[in-house]
Amino acid sequence: MKDPLGNLSRRALFKIGTAAGAVALMGSSATSAFAARLNPKGKGKISYWNHFTGAPERAGFSLLSDAFKKASPAIELDVQTVSNDDWMAKYIASTTAKSGPDAVMIDSSRFTDMLRIGGLRDITAYHKLWPGKAAVATFTPAFSEVNKVYGIPFFTFIDWMYYRKDLFDAAGIKKEPTTLAEFRDAAIALTNPGKGQYGFAMRGGSGGGGFIVNILHAYNGPIISPNFKCLLALDNAVEAMRYWVNLAVKDKCVVPTVATDGYAQIMSNFATGKGAMVMHHGGSFVEIGKYWKYGTQVQSLPRPKGPQSQMGFTAPLGNGLFKDAKNPDAAFEYVSFLGSAAPQSEFLQATGYFPTSTEAAKEKFISEQRQYDSAIQSLSSLSTGYTFPGLTAWRDLTCLPEFQKCLTGSQTPEGAARVIVDKLQVVAKAAAAADRKRYADARAAKAAKK
């Protein structure tokens, strides 16, 4: 996978915005107004789907909704939350019925699937007229295909972890874990079942499939090629699954409820001191700071390195238009508002999510926070998250269930690895065939117009 961010240093990150020129600067204060001048002015009702259920995220969106009402009073916004577990099923059903929302959130890992399913609208014409496009240009390719734009970047997930510094100090652990081996050693040393304390609040319930992809990548490197060839070796998959499963089954340094622990549970485990380390991303930065004091009780840290790659990814999240949107002009005015600097800055300070706008990335909230050193470092060291046809189904319906079977003893890490590799090979072959057909159809359609 090619990382579109390249090797961004801290200095580059905070100075790159100057390349956007005066246009990007104007976007920091009045993107919605400028979009209305250059694109058709929006008015009337629109609905918007997002998949944020956490309290800080919902609070952040509430702030942005209020700001949007002031910026675009002629538009009536209806924000609807769809859980991650229900997202793809509802998206498919709505696409089939042609009855979806006007605007829709696009997780980059789902972009290819959402595009192939047919529910995303080509917004290239809108995008060309939007003054704020230069400030988010680095991340726009994540929501583009064949010179067509389908999404406006909003923020980027930067995977990292948090650890209880006070518990590390009490246990005599002086070195932050930078490798998977060191992470395991620390998790074991921090575990004291008698006190109800475990080294790691692992996510093995809802949303846990992403961590299986993480660990497979750490042991194997890229698991699929750009032309959809399976690169995941069985031996590497076996070692990865042994490591991840045995943290819970043999080392017993994981909170015992791991099989049912989703986002809310791992955050609760960390907040109550039941888990001494937790893996998440910058979106929980503000929430974690409410539980423990940064610097003395808790610290952020890049995720550990595996034999072939660092664990974790960077993955931008954007917003686009539903193909059958009833009010596309107003919907684009909203998604371009979210893509501008001022809303991204406000959402950053409400949640911790790292902005995609180069102007918002200059915020003192980032530059003056030692904890964001982990994010800056990870921007240049992490791979970009995967997006390929069939990814979400393979991740959520194969990887996660196989891991959960290992926790209950009905499957072995070796058996799970074989199922995971075999299924990825099937997914990769189907993706390659579908991709060939897609481009062949496009060439035929283009030739027919001549």
Protein backbone atom coordinates (compact mmCIF):
# COMPACT_ATOMS: atom_id res chain seq x y z
CA MET A 1 0.00 0.00 0.00
CA LYS A 2 1.31 3.41 -0.89
CA ASP A 3 0.90 5.95 1.85
CA PRO A 4 -0.51 9.16 0.28
CA LEU A 5 0.82 11.17 3.23
CA GLY A 6 4.44 10.29 2.53
CA ASN A 7 6.86 11.18 5.29
CA LEU A 8 5.30 14.24 6.89
CA SER A 9 7.42 15.83 9.56
CA ARG A 10 5.98 18.06 12.27
CA ARG A 11 7.35 21.13 10.48
CA ALA A 12 5.89 20.01 7.16
CA LEU A 13 2.55 19.31 8.75
CA PHE A 14 2.25 22.79 10.19
CA LYS A 15 3.66 24.61 7.17
CA ILE A 16 2.16 22.70 4.29
CA GLY A 17 -0.98 24.81 4.49
CA THR A 18 0.82 27.76 2.91
CA ALA A 19 0.79 25.94 -0.40
CA ALA A 20 -2.98 26.13 -0.43
CA GLY A 21 -2.72 29.90 -0.70
CA ALA A 22 -5.36 32.47 -0.01
CA VAL A 23 -8.16 30.16 -1.12
CA ALA A 24 -7.57 27.74 1.74
CA LEU A 25 -7.30 30.62 4.18
CA MET A 26 -10.68 31.90 3.13
CA GLY A 27 -12.08 28.41 3.62
CA SER A 28 -11.20 28.54 7.32
CA SER A 29 -13.91 31.07 8.06
CA ALA A 30 -16.54 31.03 5.38
CA THR A 31 -16.37 27.84 3.32
CA SER A 32 -20.12 27.36 3.40
CA ALA A 33 -20.75 30.89 2.14
CA PHE A 34 -18.22 30.58 -0.69
CA ALA A 35 -19.59 27.18 -1.68
CA ALA A 36 -23.02 28.75 -1.92
CA ARG A 37 -21.69 31.46 -4.27
CA LEU A 38 -19.85 29.11 -6.60
CA ASN A 39 -22.07 26.07 -6.36
CA PRO A 40 -25.89 26.22 -6.47
CA LYS A 41 -27.11 27.67 -3.18
CA GLY A 42 -28.64 25.06 -0.90
CA LYS A 43 -32.00 25.32 0.81
CA GLY A 44 -34.64 23.05 2.25
CA LYS A 45 -34.34 19.81 4.20
CA ILE A 46 -31.49 17.31 4.10
CA SER A 47 -30.77 14.13 6.02
CA TYR A 48 -27.28 12.92 6.92
CA TRP A 49 -26.11 9.52 8.11
CA ASN A 50 -23.12 9.03 10.40
CA HIS A 51 -22.01 6.05 12.47
CA PHE A 52 -20.83 7.80 15.61
CA THR A 53 -22.48 6.56 18.78
CA GLY A 54 -19.94 7.73 21.38
CA ALA A 55 -20.96 10.60 23.65
CA PRO A 56 -17.98 12.88 22.77
CA GLU A 57 -18.58 12.37 19.05
CA ARG A 58 -22.27 13.09 19.33
CA ALA A 59 -21.54 16.19 21.39
CA GLY A 60 -19.02 17.31 18.78
CA PHE A 61 -21.55 16.83 15.99
CA SER A 62 -24.09 18.82 17.97
CA LEU A 63 -21.67 21.75 18.05
CA LEU A 64 -21.10 21.48 14.31
CA SER A 65 -24.83 21.26 13.61
CA ASP A 66 -25.37 24.51 15.51
CA ALA A 67 -22.54 26.16 13.57
CA PHE A 68 -23.96 24.95 10.26
CA LYS A 69 -27.39 26.39 11.08
CA LYS A 70 -25.75 29.78 11.52
CA ALA A 71 -23.68 29.46 8.35
CA SER A 72 -26.52 28.09 6.19
CA PRO A 73 -29.84 29.09 7.78
CA ALA A 74 -31.83 28.13 4.68
CA ILE A 75 -30.97 24.46 5.14
CA GLU A 76 -32.76 22.25 7.68
CA LEU A 77 -30.40 19.46 8.79
CA ASP A 78 -31.50 16.08 10.12
CA VAL A 79 -28.54 14.12 11.54
CA GLN A 80 -29.22 10.38 11.87
CA THR A 81 -26.95 7.85 13.57
CA VAL A 82 -26.60 4.32 12.20
CA SER A 83 -24.46 1.94 14.23
CA ASN A 84 -21.35 0.41 12.66
CA ASP A 85 -22.83 -3.05 13.05
CA ASP A 86 -25.90 -2.08 10.98
CA TRP A 87 -24.19 0.31 8.57
CA MET A 88 -23.53 -1.81 5.49
CA ALA A 89 -26.83 -3.70 5.69
CA LYS A 90 -28.80 -0.46 5.87
CA TYR A 91 -26.69 1.16 3.15
CA ILE A 92 -27.26 -1.77 0.79
CA ALA A 93 -30.99 -1.82 1.50
CA SER A 94 -31.29 1.94 0.96
CA THR A 95 -29.26 1.83 -2.25
CA THR A 96 -31.45 -0.93 -3.60
CA ALA A 97 -34.62 0.92 -2.65
CA LYS A 98 -33.23 4.30 -3.80
CA SER A 99 -34.37 5.77 -0.51
CA GLY A 100 -31.24 6.74 1.36
CA PRO A 101 -30.17 10.01 2.97
CA ASP A 102 -28.96 13.10 1.14
CA ALA A 103 -25.49 13.06 2.68
CA VAL A 104 -23.60 10.07 4.02
CA MET A 105 -20.42 9.41 6.00
CA ILE A 106 -17.71 7.42 4.20
CA ASP A 107 -15.13 5.47 6.18
CA SER A 108 -12.22 4.98 3.79
CA SER A 109 -12.11 1.25 4.56
CA ARG A 110 -15.67 1.02 3.22
CA PHE A 111 -15.25 3.38 0.29
CA THR A 112 -14.59 0.74 -2.37
CA ASP A 113 -17.48 -1.44 -1.20
CA MET A 114 -19.84 1.55 -0.95
CA LEU A 115 -18.85 2.70 -4.45
CA ARG A 116 -19.24 -0.75 -6.02
CA ILE A 117 -22.64 -1.22 -4.38
CA GLY A 118 -23.72 1.92 -6.20
CA GLY A 119 -24.97 4.28 -3.52
CA LEU A 120 -22.41 7.10 -3.87
CA ARG A 121 -22.91 10.12 -6.10
CA ASP A 122 -20.15 11.56 -8.30
CA ILE A 123 -19.51 15.03 -6.82
CA THR A 124 -16.63 16.00 -9.12
CA ALA A 125 -18.49 19.00 -10.55
CA TYR A 126 -19.29 20.32 -7.08
CA HIS A 127 -15.75 19.65 -5.91
CA LYS A 128 -14.16 21.64 -8.76
CA LEU A 129 -16.10 24.75 -7.70
CA TRP A 130 -15.40 24.40 -4.00
CA PRO A 131 -12.75 26.86 -2.74
CA GLY A 132 -11.76 24.62 0.18
CA LYS A 133 -10.54 21.70 -1.92
CA ALA A 134 -6.84 22.61 -1.82
CA ALA A 135 -6.66 22.38 1.96
CA VAL A 136 -7.83 18.74 1.99
CA ALA A 137 -6.18 17.69 -1.29
CA THR A 138 -3.78 15.25 0.40
CA PHE A 139 -6.67 13.07 1.54
CA THR A 140 -9.13 13.47 -1.34
CA PRO A 141 -7.68 10.52 -3.33
CA ALA A 142 -8.97 8.20 -0.59
CA PHE A 143 -12.48 9.04 -1.80
CA SER A 144 -11.78 9.21 -5.53
CA GLU A 145 -11.63 6.76 -8.41
CA VAL A 146 -10.80 7.20 -12.09
CA ASN A 147 -10.60 11.00 -11.77
CA LYS A 148 -13.98 11.20 -10.10
CA VAL A 149 -14.49 12.51 -6.57
CA TYR A 150 -17.05 10.92 -4.27
CA GLY A 151 -16.21 12.34 -0.85
CA ILE A 152 -14.89 15.37 1.01
CA PRO A 153 -12.30 14.51 3.72
CA PHE A 154 -13.38 15.37 7.26
CA PHE A 155 -10.71 13.94 9.59
CA THR A 156 -8.28 11.05 9.70
CA PHE A 157 -8.07 8.14 12.09
CA ILE A 158 -4.54 7.79 13.43
CA ASP A 159 -4.18 4.54 15.31
CA TRP A 160 -2.28 4.77 18.56
CA MET A 161 -2.58 3.49 22.12
CA TYR A 162 -2.85 4.80 25.67
CA TYR A 163 -1.14 3.45 28.76
CA ARG A 164 -1.47 4.20 32.45
CA LYS A 165 1.84 5.85 33.30
CA ASP A 166 1.16 5.68 37.03
CA LEU A 167 0.61 1.91 36.83
CA PHE A 168 3.76 1.52 34.73
CA ASP A 169 5.70 3.44 37.38
CA ALA A 170 4.22 1.34 40.19
CA ALA A 171 5.18 -1.86 38.36
CA GLY A 172 8.71 -0.62 37.74
CA ILE A 173 8.29 -0.55 33.96
CA LYS A 174 10.60 2.21 32.79
CA LYS A 175 10.51 1.67 29.03
CA GLU A 176 7.47 2.33 26.88
CA PRO A 177 6.64 -0.72 24.77
CA THR A 178 7.63 -0.18 21.14
CA THR A 179 7.50 -3.78 19.91
CA LEU A 180 4.85 -6.47 20.22
CA ALA A 181 7.18 -8.48 22.44
CA GLU A 182 7.61 -5.52 24.80
CA PHE A 183 3.88 -4.89 24.74
CA ARG A 184 3.20 -8.48 25.80
CA ASP A 185 5.78 -8.29 28.60
CA ALA A 186 4.25 -5.08 29.91
CA ALA A 187 0.70 -6.47 29.74
CA ILE A 188 1.73 -9.53 31.76
CA ALA A 189 3.62 -7.43 34.33
CA LEU A 190 0.62 -5.13 34.79
CA THR A 191 -1.88 -7.94 35.35
CA ASN A 192 -3.11 -8.61 38.88
CA PRO A 193 -6.42 -10.53 38.81
CA GLY A 194 -6.72 -10.27 42.58
CA LYS A 195 -7.04 -6.51 42.21
CA GLY A 196 -9.22 -6.80 39.14
CA GLN A 197 -6.44 -5.29 37.01
CA TYR A 198 -5.34 -6.55 33.60
CA GLY A 199 -2.61 -5.36 31.30
CA PHE A 200 -4.71 -4.85 28.18
CA ALA A 201 -8.31 -3.82 27.47
CA MET A 202 -8.60 -5.74 24.20
CA ARG A 203 -11.49 -5.23 21.78
CA GLY A 204 -12.86 -8.63 20.79
CA GLY A 205 -16.53 -7.77 20.45
CA SER A 206 -18.15 -5.29 18.07
CA GLY A 207 -15.47 -3.60 15.97
CA GLY A 208 -12.82 -6.13 16.97
CA GLY A 209 -12.29 -7.36 13.42
CA GLY A 210 -10.18 -4.33 12.64
CA PHE A 211 -7.62 -5.39 15.24
CA ILE A 212 -7.28 -8.79 13.58
CA VAL A 213 -6.42 -7.01 10.32
CA ASN A 214 -3.96 -4.89 12.35
CA ILE A 215 -2.11 -7.87 13.78
CA LEU A 216 -2.08 -9.74 10.45
CA HIS A 217 -0.51 -6.68 8.81
CA ALA A 218 2.05 -6.37 11.61
CA TYR A 219 3.24 -9.95 11.06
CA ASN A 220 2.91 -10.09 7.28
CA GLY A 221 3.22 -6.58 5.88
CA PRO A 222 0.71 -5.82 3.08
CA ILE A 223 -1.93 -8.55 2.94
CA ILE A 224 -3.28 -7.68 -0.52
CA SER A 225 -1.75 -6.00 -3.56
CA PRO A 226 -3.16 -2.96 -5.42
CA ASN A 227 -4.38 -5.31 -8.16
CA PHE A 228 -6.10 -7.51 -5.57
CA LYS A 229 -3.67 -10.40 -5.23
CA CYS A 230 -3.67 -12.07 -1.81
CA LEU A 231 -0.27 -11.54 -0.17
CA LEU A 232 -1.09 -12.98 3.25
CA ALA A 233 1.16 -16.00 3.94
CA LEU A 234 -0.31 -18.76 6.08
CA ASP A 235 2.75 -19.02 8.32
CA ASN A 236 2.59 -15.31 9.11
CA ALA A 237 -1.14 -15.48 9.75
CA VAL A 238 -0.60 -18.37 12.17
CA GLU A 239 2.01 -16.43 14.15
CA ALA A 240 -0.22 -13.36 14.23
CA MET A 241 -3.24 -15.28 15.48
CA ARG A 242 -1.16 -17.13 18.08
CA TYR A 243 0.10 -13.83 19.47
CA TRP A 244 -3.29 -12.13 19.61
CA VAL A 245 -5.24 -15.12 20.92
CA ASN A 246 -2.64 -16.12 23.50
CA LEU A 247 -2.64 -12.70 25.14
CA ALA A 248 -6.09 -13.69 26.35
CA VAL A 249 -6.00 -17.51 26.47
CA LYS A 250 -2.50 -18.33 27.74
CA ASP A 251 -1.04 -15.12 29.16
CA LYS A 252 -4.41 -14.11 30.62
CA CYS A 253 -3.33 -10.48 30.61
CA VAL A 254 -6.50 -9.31 28.88
CA VAL A 255 -9.74 -8.21 30.55
CA PRO A 256 -11.74 -11.50 30.65
CA THR A 257 -14.83 -10.06 28.95
CA VAL A 258 -12.84 -9.53 25.74
CA ALA A 259 -15.17 -11.59 23.53
CA THR A 260 -18.03 -9.14 24.03
CA ASP A 261 -16.06 -5.93 24.55
CA GLY A 262 -16.69 -3.24 21.94
CA TYR A 263 -15.76 0.42 22.05
CA ALA A 264 -17.86 1.35 25.07
CA GLN A 265 -16.56 -1.60 27.08
CA ILE A 266 -12.84 -1.11 26.40
CA MET A 267 -13.16 2.57 27.25
CA SER A 268 -14.98 1.68 30.47
CA ASN A 269 -12.32 -0.91 31.31
CA PHE A 270 -9.61 1.69 30.87
CA ALA A 271 -11.53 4.40 32.69
CA THR A 272 -12.11 2.23 35.76
CA GLY A 273 -8.52 0.95 35.93
CA LYS A 274 -9.46 -2.58 34.93
CA GLY A 275 -7.25 -2.30 31.85
CA ALA A 276 -3.81 -0.66 32.01
CA MET A 277 -3.41 -0.28 28.23
CA VAL A 278 -5.91 0.23 25.44
CA MET A 279 -5.59 0.59 21.69
CA HIS A 280 -7.74 3.12 19.88
CA HIS A 281 -7.05 6.32 17.94
CA GLY A 282 -7.03 10.08 18.34
CA GLY A 283 -10.81 10.26 18.44
CA SER A 284 -10.78 9.22 22.10
CA PHE A 285 -8.14 11.76 23.15
CA VAL A 286 -10.52 14.16 24.90
CA GLU A 287 -12.51 11.34 26.48
CA ILE A 288 -9.40 9.67 27.92
CA GLY A 289 -8.29 13.02 29.35
CA LYS A 290 -11.47 13.14 31.40
CA TYR A 291 -10.57 9.85 33.10
CA TRP A 292 -6.89 10.37 33.78
CA LYS A 293 -4.45 13.28 33.79
CA TYR A 294 -2.11 13.36 30.82
CA GLY A 295 1.56 13.32 31.71
CA THR A 296 1.29 11.83 35.20
CA GLN A 297 -1.45 9.20 34.96
CA VAL A 298 -1.82 8.47 31.25
CA GLN A 299 0.21 8.84 28.07
CA SER A 300 -0.42 8.31 24.37
CA LEU A 301 2.00 6.13 22.42
CA PRO A 302 2.40 4.86 18.84
CA ARG A 303 1.24 1.28 18.54
CA PRO A 304 3.97 -1.39 18.76
CA LYS A 305 5.92 -2.75 15.81
CA GLY A 306 5.58 -6.31 14.62
CA PRO A 307 8.02 -8.49 12.67
CA GLN A 308 7.08 -6.88 9.34
CA SER A 309 5.22 -3.64 10.08
CA GLN A 310 3.92 -1.36 12.78
CA MET A 311 0.51 -2.25 14.13
CA GLY A 312 -2.22 0.17 13.07
CA PHE A 313 -3.13 2.42 10.17
CA THR A 314 -4.02 5.94 9.21
CA ALA A 315 -7.40 6.12 7.54
CA PRO A 316 -9.22 9.28 6.48
CA LEU A 317 -12.95 9.60 6.95
CA GLY A 318 -15.06 11.73 4.66
CA ASN A 319 -18.59 12.64 3.71
CA GLY A 320 -20.32 12.33 0.37
CA LEU A 321 -23.70 12.41 -1.29
CA PHE A 322 -26.10 9.52 -1.66
CA LYS A 323 -26.62 8.72 -5.33
CA ASP A 324 -30.36 9.34 -5.13
CA ALA A 325 -30.12 12.38 -2.86
CA LYS A 326 -33.27 14.47 -3.08
CA ASN A 327 -31.45 17.71 -2.27
CA PRO A 328 -27.88 17.40 -3.60
CA ASP A 329 -27.10 21.14 -3.62
CA ALA A 330 -27.83 21.53 0.09
CA ALA A 331 -26.15 18.20 0.85
CA PHE A 332 -22.90 19.31 -0.77
CA GLU A 333 -23.06 22.60 1.08
CA TYR A 334 -23.14 20.57 4.29
CA VAL A 335 -20.35 18.09 3.48
CA SER A 336 -18.12 20.91 2.22
CA PHE A 337 -18.81 22.77 5.47
CA LEU A 338 -17.57 19.73 7.41
CA GLY A 339 -14.51 19.63 5.17
CA SER A 340 -13.48 23.20 5.96
CA ALA A 341 -11.00 24.30 8.61
CA ALA A 342 -13.21 25.91 11.25
CA PRO A 343 -15.55 22.92 11.76
CA GLN A 344 -12.61 20.51 11.72
CA SER A 345 -10.85 22.58 14.38
CA GLU A 346 -13.96 22.59 16.53
CA PHE A 347 -14.42 18.84 16.16
CA LEU A 348 -10.73 18.28 16.97
CA GLN A 349 -11.06 20.16 20.24
CA ALA A 350 -14.30 18.37 21.14
CA THR A 351 -13.03 14.84 20.41
CA GLY A 352 -9.35 14.69 19.42
CA TYR A 353 -9.91 13.52 15.84
CA PHE A 354 -7.01 14.69 13.67
CA PRO A 355 -8.15 17.11 10.91
CA THR A 356 -7.58 16.64 7.19
CA SER A 357 -7.52 20.40 6.53
CA THR A 358 -3.97 21.72 6.47
CA GLU A 359 -5.24 24.91 8.08
CA ALA A 360 -6.95 23.08 10.94
CA ALA A 361 -3.81 20.96 11.44
CA LYS A 362 -1.97 24.14 12.50
CA GLU A 363 -4.13 24.41 15.62
CA LYS A 364 -2.24 25.05 18.86
CA PHE A 365 -4.37 22.25 20.31
CA ILE A 366 -2.08 19.94 18.31
CA SER A 367 1.23 21.79 18.36
CA GLU A 368 1.19 22.41 22.12
CA GLN A 369 0.11 18.90 23.13
CA ARG A 370 2.96 16.48 23.86
CA GLN A 371 0.45 13.65 23.42
CA TYR A 372 0.02 14.56 19.75
CA ASP A 373 3.68 13.77 19.15
CA SER A 374 2.42 10.20 18.88
CA ALA A 375 0.04 11.25 16.11
CA ILE A 376 2.69 13.20 14.22
CA GLN A 377 5.08 10.27 14.44
CA SER A 378 2.42 7.80 13.36
CA LEU A 379 1.41 9.89 10.35
CA SER A 380 4.77 9.12 8.77
CA SER A 381 5.25 5.58 10.07
CA LEU A 382 1.85 3.92 9.68
CA SER A 383 0.51 2.43 6.48
CA THR A 384 -2.72 3.69 4.98
CA GLY A 385 -5.69 1.55 5.87
CA TYR A 386 -6.94 -1.05 3.42
CA THR A 387 -9.90 -0.56 1.14
CA PHE A 388 -10.79 -3.31 -1.30
CA PRO A 389 -14.01 -5.00 -2.42
CA GLY A 390 -15.15 -7.47 0.20
CA LEU A 391 -12.93 -6.07 2.98
CA THR A 392 -15.70 -5.27 5.43
CA ALA A 393 -17.39 -8.66 5.08
CA TRP A 394 -14.08 -10.56 5.38
CA ARG A 395 -13.03 -8.49 8.40
CA ASP A 396 -16.33 -8.63 10.27
CA LEU A 397 -17.76 -11.99 9.19
CA THR A 398 -14.59 -14.10 8.99
CA CYS A 399 -11.71 -12.56 10.96
CA LEU A 400 -13.66 -11.56 14.06
CA PRO A 401 -15.78 -14.73 14.43
CA GLU A 402 -12.71 -16.95 13.98
CA PHE A 403 -10.90 -15.02 16.71
CA GLN A 404 -13.90 -15.27 19.02
CA LYS A 405 -14.05 -19.04 18.48
CA CYS A 406 -10.43 -19.22 19.65
CA LEU A 407 -11.38 -17.44 22.86
CA THR A 408 -14.02 -20.06 23.64
CA GLY A 409 -11.82 -23.01 22.67
CA SER A 410 -13.90 -24.09 19.68
CA GLN A 411 -11.13 -23.08 17.27
CA THR A 412 -7.32 -22.97 17.37
CA PRO A 413 -5.17 -20.03 16.25
CA GLU A 414 -3.77 -22.27 13.51
CA GLY A 415 -7.23 -23.27 12.31
CA ALA A 416 -8.48 -19.69 12.44
CA ALA A 417 -5.49 -18.52 10.42
CA ARG A 418 -6.17 -21.04 7.68
CA VAL A 419 -9.84 -20.02 7.42
CA ILE A 420 -8.86 -16.33 7.33
CA VAL A 421 -6.24 -16.83 4.60
CA ASP A 422 -8.47 -19.10 2.51
CA LYS A 423 -11.33 -16.61 2.67
CA LEU A 424 -9.07 -13.68 1.77
CA GLN A 425 -7.88 -15.58 -1.29
CA VAL A 426 -11.50 -16.01 -2.37
CA VAL A 427 -12.25 -12.34 -1.72
CA ALA A 428 -9.13 -11.23 -3.60
CA LYS A 429 -9.94 -13.35 -6.68
CA ALA A 430 -13.50 -12.05 -6.75
CA ALA A 431 -12.28 -8.47 -6.35
CA ALA A 432 -9.78 -8.85 -9.21
CA ALA A 433 -12.42 -10.34 -11.51
CA ALA A 434 -14.94 -7.64 -10.64
CA ASP A 435 -12.32 -4.95 -11.18
CA ARG A 436 -11.43 -6.28 -14.64
CA LYS A 437 -15.09 -6.36 -15.59
CA ARG A 438 -15.66 -2.87 -14.23
CA TYR A 439 -12.92 -1.35 -16.33
CA ALA A 440 -13.87 -3.41 -19.40
CA ASP A 441 -17.44 -2.14 -19.12
CA ALA A 442 -16.18 1.42 -18.74
CA ARG A 443 -14.02 1.08 -21.87
CA ALA A 444 -16.94 -0.40 -23.80
CA ALA A 445 -19.25 2.39 -22.71
CA LYS A 446 -16.68 5.01 -23.71
CA ALA A 447 -16.18 3.37 -27.12
CA ALA A 448 -19.94 3.22 -27.70
CA LYS A 449 -20.17 6.99 -27.30
CA LYS A 450 -17.66 7.63 -30.08
